[in-house]
Amino acid sequence: MSEGLDRAAELIEGADALLVCAGAGMGVDSGLPDFRGATGFWQAYPPYERLGLRFEELADPVHFVEDPTLAWGFYGHRLDLYRRTVPHDGFRVLRDWGARVFTSNVDGQFQRAGFTDVAEVHGSIHHLQCVEPCTDDVWPADDIAVHVDPESMRATGSLPSCRNCGGLARPNILMFGDWSWIAGPSQKALDALVEWRRAHRNLAVIEVGAGLAVPTVRRQAELASAASGALIRINPREPEVRHGRGVSLPMGALEAITELARRIG
């Protein structure tokens, strides 16, 4: 482990630029739930176990049309959770290193930690769009609060509405089987990331907490590091690197980043 950390620190120090590719595991040390499998999801949300509902079933845009209080109960609870969560110190370290970010996370933790250049490939829970959608408009969710009954996990009271047509609004998140997601803001950030990558050939990539179940983040990390081969994969369960000068670190996010910071100074 020590040898891997030393090698990873060398790759970071020798790079001209740093890209962080983050999956859900990045937020675990901040206290965010691990949705790995139905069991992990139900441990975080016991009411859904009683209902026999898995994450994949709840994260489906059809509920906003057929059962909006169920849909907003799920996303309203998550919105409140993410607003109350304080990013762990690993975020600060990566920010101080001047890292750029690509993430599948929708929680906004990088922005809360002070990052400005964040490409959110699946959108953000902190922005809204129309369910229809009536336009391509996406707007901040700053002024909304969704009240959720803790027993039924259903939203109570008024639900967020579209600021254009007055119909139901939903989070600007790419869900399963989602044909209504407005991808414009995410695509703009992704395009900017591509241009930035082209300008930095000596790039080190730190992949954090990205599993194999949804390999979006892993593919981006491998693509971004293909030229330099400098991939640092931090993952306690699936850390293997099979190409280039990559380094496997079978550790949690905060522990690994803290150890790297000790070596880099």
C-alpha atoms as a PDB file:
ATOM      1  CA  MET A   1       0.000   0.000   0.000  1.00  0.00           C
ATOM      2  CA  SER A   2       2.772   2.422   0.914  1.00  0.00           C
ATOM      3  CA  GLU A   3       4.523   1.786  -2.403  1.00  0.00           C
ATOM      4  CA  GLY A   4       1.300   2.476  -4.311  1.00  0.00           C
ATOM      5  CA  LEU A   5       0.728   5.717  -2.427  1.00  0.00           C
ATOM      6  CA  ASP A   6       4.299   6.817  -3.114  1.00  0.00           C
ATOM      7  CA  ARG A   7       3.890   6.095  -6.818  1.00  0.00           C
ATOM      8  CA  ALA A   8       0.530   7.902  -6.939  1.00  0.00           C
ATOM      9  CA  ALA A   9       2.044  10.947  -5.246  1.00  0.00           C
ATOM     10  CA  GLU A  10       4.826  10.959  -7.862  1.00  0.00           C
ATOM     11  CA  LEU A  11       2.283  10.905 -10.680  1.00  0.00           C
ATOM     12  CA  ILE A  12       0.372  13.824  -9.175  1.00  0.00           C
ATOM     13  CA  GLU A  13       3.497  15.899  -8.556  1.00  0.00           C
ATOM     14  CA  GLY A  14       4.806  15.200 -12.056  1.00  0.00           C
ATOM     15  CA  ALA A  15       1.593  16.205 -13.836  1.00  0.00           C
ATOM     16  CA  ASP A  16       0.812  19.600 -15.346  1.00  0.00           C
ATOM     17  CA  ALA A  17      -2.878  19.246 -14.532  1.00  0.00           C
ATOM     18  CA  LEU A  18      -5.136  17.090 -12.387  1.00  0.00           C
ATOM     19  CA  LEU A  19      -8.553  15.640 -13.205  1.00  0.00           C
ATOM     20  CA  VAL A  20     -10.743  14.038 -10.533  1.00  0.00           C
ATOM     21  CA  CYS A  21     -13.314  11.521 -11.773  1.00  0.00           C
ATOM     22  CA  ALA A  22     -15.691  10.807  -8.910  1.00  0.00           C
ATOM     23  CA  GLY A  23     -18.449   8.302  -8.295  1.00  0.00           C
ATOM     24  CA  ALA A  24     -20.740   7.754  -5.322  1.00  0.00           C
ATOM     25  CA  GLY A  25     -17.922   6.463  -3.130  1.00  0.00           C
ATOM     26  CA  MET A  26     -16.505   9.973  -2.928  1.00  0.00           C
ATOM     27  CA  GLY A  27     -19.284  11.052  -0.572  1.00  0.00           C
ATOM     28  CA  VAL A  28     -19.355   8.065   1.798  1.00  0.00           C
ATOM     29  CA  ASP A  29     -16.841   9.658   4.188  1.00  0.00           C
ATOM     30  CA  SER A  30     -19.112  12.704   4.390  1.00  0.00           C
ATOM     31  CA  GLY A  31     -21.839  10.432   5.741  1.00  0.00           C
ATOM     32  CA  LEU A  32     -23.791   9.990   2.515  1.00  0.00           C
ATOM     33  CA  PRO A  33     -25.410   6.561   2.040  1.00  0.00           C
ATOM     34  CA  ASP A  34     -23.923   3.841  -0.125  1.00  0.00           C
ATOM     35  CA  PHE A  35     -26.575   2.704  -2.618  1.00  0.00           C
ATOM     36  CA  ARG A  36     -24.553  -0.368  -3.617  1.00  0.00           C
ATOM     37  CA  GLY A  37     -27.200  -3.002  -4.302  1.00  0.00           C
ATOM     38  CA  ALA A  38     -30.714  -3.217  -2.909  1.00  0.00           C
ATOM     39  CA  THR A  39     -29.415  -4.041   0.571  1.00  0.00           C
ATOM     40  CA  GLY A  40     -27.278  -0.899   0.773  1.00  0.00           C
ATOM     41  CA  PHE A  41     -30.139   1.246  -0.456  1.00  0.00           C
ATOM     42  CA  TRP A  42     -32.631  -0.256   1.980  1.00  0.00           C
ATOM     43  CA  GLN A  43     -30.239   0.221   4.885  1.00  0.00           C
ATOM     44  CA  ALA A  44     -30.246   3.923   4.058  1.00  0.00           C
ATOM     45  CA  TYR A  45     -34.003   4.059   3.453  1.00  0.00           C
ATOM     46  CA  PRO A  46     -35.842   1.397   5.503  1.00  0.00           C
ATOM     47  CA  PRO A  47     -39.342   2.548   4.424  1.00  0.00           C
ATOM     48  CA  TYR A  48     -38.564   1.523   0.852  1.00  0.00           C
ATOM     49  CA  GLU A  49     -37.610  -1.963   1.991  1.00  0.00           C
ATOM     50  CA  ARG A  50     -41.079  -2.315   3.507  1.00  0.00           C
ATOM     51  CA  LEU A  51     -42.518  -1.214   0.175  1.00  0.00           C
ATOM     52  CA  GLY A  52     -40.165  -3.535  -1.740  1.00  0.00           C
ATOM     53  CA  LEU A  53     -38.889  -0.653  -3.899  1.00  0.00           C
ATOM     54  CA  ARG A  54     -35.305  -0.585  -5.163  1.00  0.00           C
ATOM     55  CA  PHE A  55     -33.274   2.495  -6.108  1.00  0.00           C
ATOM     56  CA  GLU A  56     -33.630   1.751  -9.820  1.00  0.00           C
ATOM     57  CA  GLU A  57     -37.416   1.659  -9.480  1.00  0.00           C
ATOM     58  CA  LEU A  58     -37.629   4.948  -7.585  1.00  0.00           C
ATOM     59  CA  ALA A  59     -35.157   6.770  -9.829  1.00  0.00           C
ATOM     60  CA  ASP A  60     -37.575   6.520 -12.744  1.00  0.00           C
ATOM     61  CA  PRO A  61     -39.132   9.642 -14.276  1.00  0.00           C
ATOM     62  CA  VAL A  62     -42.458   7.874 -14.809  1.00  0.00           C
ATOM     63  CA  HIS A  63     -43.289   8.393 -11.114  1.00  0.00           C
ATOM     64  CA  PHE A  64     -43.356  12.171 -11.579  1.00  0.00           C
ATOM     65  CA  VAL A  65     -46.311  11.629 -13.921  1.00  0.00           C
ATOM     66  CA  GLU A  66     -48.037   8.649 -12.292  1.00  0.00           C
ATOM     67  CA  ASP A  67     -47.243   9.137  -8.590  1.00  0.00           C
ATOM     68  CA  PRO A  68     -45.646  12.569  -7.971  1.00  0.00           C
ATOM     69  CA  THR A  69     -45.796  12.445  -4.166  1.00  0.00           C
ATOM     70  CA  LEU A  70     -43.775   9.195  -4.231  1.00  0.00           C
ATOM     71  CA  ALA A  71     -41.286  10.708  -6.690  1.00  0.00           C
ATOM     72  CA  TRP A  72     -40.844  13.956  -4.781  1.00  0.00           C
ATOM     73  CA  GLY A  73     -40.723  12.098  -1.472  1.00  0.00           C
ATOM     74  CA  PHE A  74     -37.616  10.310  -2.693  1.00  0.00           C
ATOM     75  CA  TYR A  75     -35.929  13.280  -4.321  1.00  0.00           C
ATOM     76  CA  GLY A  76     -37.100  15.784  -1.718  1.00  0.00           C
ATOM     77  CA  HIS A  77     -35.494  13.742   1.037  1.00  0.00           C
ATOM     78  CA  ARG A  78     -32.259  13.491  -0.931  1.00  0.00           C
ATOM     79  CA  LEU A  79     -32.263  17.223  -1.663  1.00  0.00           C
ATOM     80  CA  ASP A  80     -32.539  17.995   2.049  1.00  0.00           C
ATOM     81  CA  LEU A  81     -29.844  15.424   2.891  1.00  0.00           C
ATOM     82  CA  TYR A  82     -27.368  16.859   0.406  1.00  0.00           C
ATOM     83  CA  ARG A  83     -28.033  20.403   1.596  1.00  0.00           C
ATOM     84  CA  ARG A  84     -27.201  19.371   5.167  1.00  0.00           C
ATOM     85  CA  THR A  85     -24.112  17.315   4.320  1.00  0.00           C
ATOM     86  CA  VAL A  86     -20.670  18.854   4.907  1.00  0.00           C
ATOM     87  CA  PRO A  87     -18.032  17.658   2.396  1.00  0.00           C
ATOM     88  CA  HIS A  88     -15.173  15.776   4.045  1.00  0.00           C
ATOM     89  CA  ASP A  89     -11.664  17.225   4.068  1.00  0.00           C
ATOM     90  CA  GLY A  90     -10.613  15.260   1.005  1.00  0.00           C
ATOM     91  CA  PHE A  91     -12.630  17.668  -1.110  1.00  0.00           C
ATOM     92  CA  ARG A  92     -10.589  20.598   0.232  1.00  0.00           C
ATOM     93  CA  VAL A  93      -7.314  18.817  -0.562  1.00  0.00           C
ATOM     94  CA  LEU A  94      -8.337  18.175  -4.165  1.00  0.00           C
ATOM     95  CA  ARG A  95      -9.541  21.756  -4.515  1.00  0.00           C
ATOM     96  CA  ASP A  96      -6.247  23.093  -3.180  1.00  0.00           C
ATOM     97  CA  TRP A  97      -4.433  20.989  -5.777  1.00  0.00           C
ATOM     98  CA  GLY A  98      -6.376  22.841  -8.490  1.00  0.00           C
ATOM     99  CA  ALA A  99      -8.195  19.770  -9.763  1.00  0.00           C
ATOM    100  CA  ARG A 100     -10.885  19.828 -12.408  1.00  0.00           C
ATOM    101  CA  VAL A 101     -13.867  17.497 -11.805  1.00  0.00           C
ATOM    102  CA  PHE A 102     -15.954  15.001 -13.752  1.00  0.00           C
ATOM    103  CA  THR A 103     -18.624  13.278 -11.667  1.00  0.00           C
ATOM    104  CA  SER A 104     -21.703  11.114 -11.911  1.00  0.00           C
ATOM    105  CA  ASN A 105     -22.823  12.408  -8.525  1.00  0.00           C
ATOM    106  CA  VAL A 106     -25.825  14.718  -8.446  1.00  0.00           C
ATOM    107  CA  ASP A 107     -25.324  15.918  -4.859  1.00  0.00           C
ATOM    108  CA  GLY A 108     -23.433  19.174  -5.493  1.00  0.00           C
ATOM    109  CA  GLN A 109     -20.783  18.344  -2.889  1.00  0.00           C
ATOM    110  CA  PHE A 110     -17.901  19.539  -5.057  1.00  0.00           C
ATOM    111  CA  GLN A 111     -19.510  22.946  -5.546  1.00  0.00           C
ATOM    112  CA  ARG A 112     -20.218  23.176  -1.835  1.00  0.00           C
ATOM    113  CA  ALA A 113     -16.526  22.487  -1.219  1.00  0.00           C
ATOM    114  CA  GLY A 114     -15.575  25.439  -3.425  1.00  0.00           C
ATOM    115  CA  PHE A 115     -15.014  23.869  -6.859  1.00  0.00           C
ATOM    116  CA  THR A 116     -16.085  25.912  -9.872  1.00  0.00           C
ATOM    117  CA  ASP A 117     -15.186  23.636 -12.798  1.00  0.00           C
ATOM    118  CA  VAL A 118     -17.428  20.596 -12.315  1.00  0.00           C
ATOM    119  CA  ALA A 119     -18.839  18.492 -15.149  1.00  0.00           C
ATOM    120  CA  GLU A 120     -21.909  16.644 -13.818  1.00  0.00           C
ATOM    121  CA  VAL A 121     -22.634  13.957 -16.388  1.00  0.00           C
ATOM    122  CA  HIS A 122     -25.961  12.974 -14.759  1.00  0.00           C
ATOM    123  CA  GLY A 123     -27.125  16.485 -13.870  1.00  0.00           C
ATOM    124  CA  SER A 124     -27.771  17.975 -10.445  1.00  0.00           C
ATOM    125  CA  ILE A 125     -30.462  17.675  -7.793  1.00  0.00           C
ATOM    126  CA  HIS A 126     -29.921  21.372  -7.081  1.00  0.00           C
ATOM    127  CA  HIS A 127     -31.504  22.352 -10.407  1.00  0.00           C
ATOM    128  CA  LEU A 128     -35.023  21.862 -11.725  1.00  0.00           C
ATOM    129  CA  GLN A 129     -36.760  21.408 -15.058  1.00  0.00           C
ATOM    130  CA  CYS A 130     -40.325  20.938 -16.248  1.00  0.00           C
ATOM    131  CA  VAL A 131     -41.674  17.370 -16.169  1.00  0.00           C
ATOM    132  CA  GLU A 132     -43.157  17.697 -19.684  1.00  0.00           C
ATOM    133  CA  PRO A 133     -40.773  19.519 -20.488  1.00  0.00           C
ATOM    134  CA  CYS A 134     -42.482  22.629 -21.831  1.00  0.00           C
ATOM    135  CA  THR A 135     -39.134  24.340 -22.624  1.00  0.00           C
ATOM    136  CA  ASP A 136     -35.413  23.608 -22.320  1.00  0.00           C
ATOM    137  CA  ASP A 137     -35.200  25.868 -19.271  1.00  0.00           C
ATOM    138  CA  VAL A 138     -33.231  24.675 -16.216  1.00  0.00           C
ATOM    139  CA  TRP A 139     -33.203  26.735 -13.027  1.00  0.00           C
ATOM    140  CA  PRO A 140     -31.824  26.584  -9.464  1.00  0.00           C
ATOM    141  CA  ALA A 141     -33.774  24.730  -6.767  1.00  0.00           C
ATOM    142  CA  ASP A 142     -32.491  27.104  -4.076  1.00  0.00           C
ATOM    143  CA  ASP A 143     -35.888  28.450  -3.061  1.00  0.00           C
ATOM    144  CA  ILE A 144     -37.793  25.172  -2.796  1.00  0.00           C
ATOM    145  CA  ALA A 145     -38.380  22.962   0.232  1.00  0.00           C
ATOM    146  CA  VAL A 146     -40.150  19.614  -0.035  1.00  0.00           C
ATOM    147  CA  HIS A 147     -41.733  18.234   3.129  1.00  0.00           C
ATOM    148  CA  VAL A 148     -41.537  14.438   3.370  1.00  0.00           C
ATOM    149  CA  ASP A 149     -43.464  12.130   5.701  1.00  0.00           C
ATOM    150  CA  PRO A 150     -40.784   9.870   7.281  1.00  0.00           C
ATOM    151  CA  GLU A 151     -43.092   6.843   7.520  1.00  0.00           C
ATOM    152  CA  SER A 152     -44.478   6.769   3.996  1.00  0.00           C
ATOM    153  CA  MET A 153     -41.544   8.664   2.395  1.00  0.00           C
ATOM    154  CA  ARG A 154     -44.111  10.616   0.405  1.00  0.00           C
ATOM    155  CA  ALA A 155     -44.044  14.359  -0.147  1.00  0.00           C
ATOM    156  CA  THR A 156     -46.729  16.345   1.621  1.00  0.00           C
ATOM    157  CA  GLY A 157     -48.078  19.774   0.771  1.00  0.00           C
ATOM    158  CA  SER A 158     -47.379  21.666  -2.436  1.00  0.00           C
ATOM    159  CA  LEU A 159     -44.857  20.263  -4.908  1.00  0.00           C
ATOM    160  CA  PRO A 160     -42.297  22.237  -6.934  1.00  0.00           C
ATOM    161  CA  SER A 161     -43.766  23.755 -10.068  1.00  0.00           C
ATOM    162  CA  CYS A 162     -42.364  24.764 -13.440  1.00  0.00           C
ATOM    163  CA  ARG A 163     -41.586  28.464 -13.528  1.00  0.00           C
ATOM    164  CA  ASN A 164     -42.681  28.638 -17.152  1.00  0.00           C
ATOM    165  CA  CYS A 165     -45.953  26.700 -17.466  1.00  0.00           C
ATOM    166  CA  GLY A 166     -46.910  26.177 -13.817  1.00  0.00           C
ATOM    167  CA  GLY A 167     -46.983  22.385 -14.185  1.00  0.00           C
ATOM    168  CA  LEU A 168     -44.997  19.944 -12.076  1.00  0.00           C
ATOM    169  CA  ALA A 169     -41.217  20.373 -11.909  1.00  0.00           C
ATOM    170  CA  ARG A 170     -38.633  17.654 -11.340  1.00  0.00           C
ATOM    171  CA  PRO A 171     -34.899  17.560 -10.602  1.00  0.00           C
ATOM    172  CA  ASN A 172     -32.625  18.067 -13.596  1.00  0.00           C
ATOM    173  CA  ILE A 173     -31.176  14.570 -13.113  1.00  0.00           C
ATOM    174  CA  LEU A 174     -30.737  11.823 -15.685  1.00  0.00           C
ATOM    175  CA  MET A 175     -32.873   8.967 -14.350  1.00  0.00           C
ATOM    176  CA  PHE A 176     -33.322   5.404 -15.578  1.00  0.00           C
ATOM    177  CA  GLY A 177     -35.131   5.206 -18.917  1.00  0.00           C
ATOM    178  CA  ASP A 178     -35.245   9.005 -19.037  1.00  0.00           C
ATOM    179  CA  TRP A 179     -36.262  10.602 -22.347  1.00  0.00           C
ATOM    180  CA  SER A 180     -37.251  13.959 -20.842  1.00  0.00           C
ATOM    181  CA  TRP A 181     -34.000  14.981 -19.186  1.00  0.00           C
ATOM    182  CA  ILE A 182     -32.736  18.371 -20.386  1.00  0.00           C
ATOM    183  CA  ALA A 183     -29.034  17.757 -20.912  1.00  0.00           C
ATOM    184  CA  GLY A 184     -28.019  21.264 -21.989  1.00  0.00           C
ATOM    185  CA  PRO A 185     -26.239  22.478 -18.819  1.00  0.00           C
ATOM    186  CA  SER A 186     -24.413  19.174 -18.342  1.00  0.00           C
ATOM    187  CA  GLN A 187     -23.392  19.010 -21.983  1.00  0.00           C
ATOM    188  CA  LYS A 188     -21.987  22.542 -21.866  1.00  0.00           C
ATOM    189  CA  ALA A 189     -19.770  21.594 -18.898  1.00  0.00           C
ATOM    190  CA  LEU A 190     -18.712  18.337 -20.595  1.00  0.00           C
ATOM    191  CA  ASP A 191     -17.757  20.189 -23.783  1.00  0.00           C
ATOM    192  CA  ALA A 192     -15.661  22.620 -21.736  1.00  0.00           C
ATOM    193  CA  LEU A 193     -13.939  19.670 -20.045  1.00  0.00           C
ATOM    194  CA  VAL A 194     -13.043  18.157 -23.432  1.00  0.00           C
ATOM    195  CA  GLU A 195     -11.429  21.435 -24.510  1.00  0.00           C
ATOM    196  CA  TRP A 196      -9.514  21.631 -21.232  1.00  0.00           C
ATOM    197  CA  ARG A 197      -8.261  18.065 -21.604  1.00  0.00           C
ATOM    198  CA  ARG A 198      -6.990  18.783 -25.108  1.00  0.00           C
ATOM    199  CA  ALA A 199      -4.886  21.608 -23.691  1.00  0.00           C
ATOM    200  CA  HIS A 200      -3.283  19.385 -21.032  1.00  0.00           C
ATOM    201  CA  ARG A 201      -1.371  16.383 -22.328  1.00  0.00           C
ATOM    202  CA  ASN A 202       0.594  15.670 -19.134  1.00  0.00           C
ATOM    203  CA  LEU A 203      -2.490  14.876 -17.114  1.00  0.00           C
ATOM    204  CA  ALA A 204      -2.903  12.850 -13.923  1.00  0.00           C
ATOM    205  CA  VAL A 205      -6.334  11.374 -13.269  1.00  0.00           C
ATOM    206  CA  ILE A 206      -7.586  10.517  -9.796  1.00  0.00           C
ATOM    207  CA  GLU A 207     -10.620   8.251  -9.990  1.00  0.00           C
ATOM    208  CA  VAL A 208     -12.444   8.056  -6.666  1.00  0.00           C
ATOM    209  CA  GLY A 209     -15.286   5.774  -5.586  1.00  0.00           C
ATOM    210  CA  ALA A 210     -16.408   4.704  -9.050  1.00  0.00           C
ATOM    211  CA  GLY A 211     -17.667   1.138  -9.328  1.00  0.00           C
ATOM    212  CA  LEU A 212     -18.325  -1.208 -12.227  1.00  0.00           C
ATOM    213  CA  ALA A 213     -22.127  -1.341 -11.988  1.00  0.00           C
ATOM    214  CA  VAL A 214     -22.495   1.973 -13.851  1.00  0.00           C
ATOM    215  CA  PRO A 215     -19.074   2.413 -15.491  1.00  0.00           C
ATOM    216  CA  THR A 216     -19.531   5.989 -16.763  1.00  0.00           C
ATOM    217  CA  VAL A 217     -16.894   7.468 -14.471  1.00  0.00           C
ATOM    218  CA  ARG A 218     -14.396   4.651 -15.025  1.00  0.00           C
ATOM    219  CA  ARG A 219     -14.644   5.038 -18.782  1.00  0.00           C
ATOM    220  CA  GLN A 220     -14.048   8.777 -18.543  1.00  0.00           C
ATOM    221  CA  ALA A 221     -11.042   8.275 -16.250  1.00  0.00           C
ATOM    222  CA  GLU A 222      -9.500   5.687 -18.577  1.00  0.00           C
ATOM    223  CA  LEU A 223     -10.138   7.848 -21.634  1.00  0.00           C
ATOM    224  CA  ALA A 224      -8.687  10.955 -19.997  1.00  0.00           C
ATOM    225  CA  SER A 225      -5.569   9.120 -18.815  1.00  0.00           C
ATOM    226  CA  ALA A 226      -4.984   7.167 -22.043  1.00  0.00           C
ATOM    227  CA  ALA A 227      -2.275   9.512 -23.345  1.00  0.00           C
ATOM    228  CA  SER A 228      -0.316   9.900 -20.100  1.00  0.00           C
ATOM    229  CA  GLY A 229      -1.236   6.579 -18.489  1.00  0.00           C
ATOM    230  CA  ALA A 230      -1.326   8.330 -15.134  1.00  0.00           C
ATOM    231  CA  LEU A 231      -4.466   6.859 -13.578  1.00  0.00           C
ATOM    232  CA  ILE A 232      -4.859   6.603  -9.798  1.00  0.00           C
ATOM    233  CA  ARG A 233      -7.867   4.430  -8.955  1.00  0.00           C
ATOM    234  CA  ILE A 234      -9.133   4.782  -5.379  1.00  0.00           C
ATOM    235  CA  ASN A 235     -11.729   2.156  -4.583  1.00  0.00           C
ATOM    236  CA  PRO A 236     -11.935  -0.180  -1.554  1.00  0.00           C
ATOM    237  CA  ARG A 237     -13.761  -2.924  -3.499  1.00  0.00           C
ATOM    238  CA  GLU A 238     -12.794  -2.676  -7.179  1.00  0.00           C
ATOM    239  CA  PRO A 239      -9.410  -0.926  -7.429  1.00  0.00           C
ATOM    240  CA  GLU A 240      -7.782  -2.880 -10.260  1.00  0.00           C
ATOM    241  CA  VAL A 241      -6.048  -0.943 -13.057  1.00  0.00           C
ATOM    242  CA  ARG A 242      -5.272  -2.897 -16.200  1.00  0.00           C
ATOM    243  CA  HIS A 243      -3.464  -0.424 -18.417  1.00  0.00           C
ATOM    244  CA  GLY A 244      -0.712   2.183 -18.568  1.00  0.00           C
ATOM    245  CA  ARG A 245       1.098   3.557 -15.549  1.00  0.00           C
ATOM    246  CA  GLY A 246      -1.964   3.216 -13.378  1.00  0.00           C
ATOM    247  CA  VAL A 247      -1.938   2.758  -9.609  1.00  0.00           C
ATOM    248  CA  SER A 248      -4.515   0.793  -7.608  1.00  0.00           C
ATOM    249  CA  LEU A 249      -5.350   2.049  -4.125  1.00  0.00           C
ATOM    250  CA  PRO A 250      -7.842  -0.228  -2.325  1.00  0.00           C
ATOM    251  CA  MET A 251      -8.848   2.474   0.146  1.00  0.00           C
ATOM    252  CA  GLY A 252     -11.693   4.826   0.960  1.00  0.00           C
ATOM    253  CA  ALA A 253     -11.667   8.337  -0.489  1.00  0.00           C
ATOM    254  CA  LEU A 254     -10.740  10.346   2.604  1.00  0.00           C
ATOM    255  CA  GLU A 255      -8.051   7.927   3.786  1.00  0.00           C
ATOM    256  CA  ALA A 256      -6.361   7.748   0.387  1.00  0.00           C
ATOM    257  CA  ILE A 257      -6.455  11.491  -0.289  1.00  0.00           C
ATOM    258  CA  THR A 258      -5.160  12.231   3.214  1.00  0.00           C
ATOM    259  CA  GLU A 259      -2.246   9.835   2.737  1.00  0.00           C
ATOM    260  CA  LEU A 260      -1.438  11.358  -0.652  1.00  0.00           C
ATOM    261  CA  ALA A 261      -1.529  14.853   0.859  1.00  0.00           C
ATOM    262  CA  ARG A 262       0.983  13.753   3.526  1.00  0.00           C
ATOM    263  CA  ARG A 263       3.385  12.684   0.810  1.00  0.00           C
ATOM    264  CA  ILE A 264       2.904  15.693  -1.434  1.00  0.00           C
ATOM    265  CA  GLY A 265       2.957  18.296   1.337  1.00  0.00           C
END
